[in-house]
Amino acid sequence: MSASQNTPLAGVIFDMDGVLCDSEAIMAQAACRMFAETYRVTVRPEDFAPFAGTGENRYLGGVAAQYGIDWQLERDKARAYAIYLEMIVGRLAPLPGVVDFVAHCRGRGLKLAVATSADLVKMEGNLREIGLPAATFDVCLTGSDVLHKKPDPEIFLAAARRLGVPSPACLVVEDAPNGVRAAKAAGSRCLGLTTSFAPGILRDAGADWIAADLAAVPAEVYALLGAR
């Protein structure tokens, strides 16, 4: 499935971490605290890097396995989130350009969605803290809403379906190569933000456009927004 670069866009689907906000460092700190207080094991923030964007089950479970910890998924995840939600208060902010870009898209009549691998409690906490609560968007999907994680296109196909917008008429905004691959597999166009990975990595994954953040969206993307 492919989309013409010149087809007007009718919907925008945002990944969350690295696109709307940058919470990975805080989540890693919260997870370190959870492992320290629960298991008396010192893990490092950098241990979580390979599992970023895969959902908290894998994010925490991957590090638990690395350290030989027989962890309890639901209990430990709930504790990590409780610590995290305390830590983000007053610390988490929208990334550059986010508020203005969302307002621009809304003003042009586009349908808006968030599609993140994170759990619901993290998504709601993040969006609330950056001043764009879930109600800002027409659709919000989390990792628990799909069976297959990125680079599988399931979450973006589901978001487009719930928006009532064909996938080729959706722009997906992503910061990770697996997310870019998922967007392209869904038949959508993709704006890759270099908040987490170098431009070449996102381009090789298939991103149609590259920008530093949502304050630097290319003019050709703006030309397609709300042009229907």
Foldseek 3Di string as FASTA:
>chain_A
DAADLQAFAQEEEEEPDLAFWPLLQLLLVLLQVLCCVPPVDGDDSVQQVVVPQQEPQCSNVVVCVVVVHPDDRPVSVVSSLVSSLVVCAVPIETDPQNVVVLVVLVVLNHAYEYQGQYDPSVQQSNCVRHVRGPVSHPYYHYNVVDDDGFVALVRVLVRCVSSVHQLCSYEYEEADLRVLNSSVVSNYAYEYAPSPHDPVSNVVSPHPHYDPHNVGDDPSNVVSRSPD
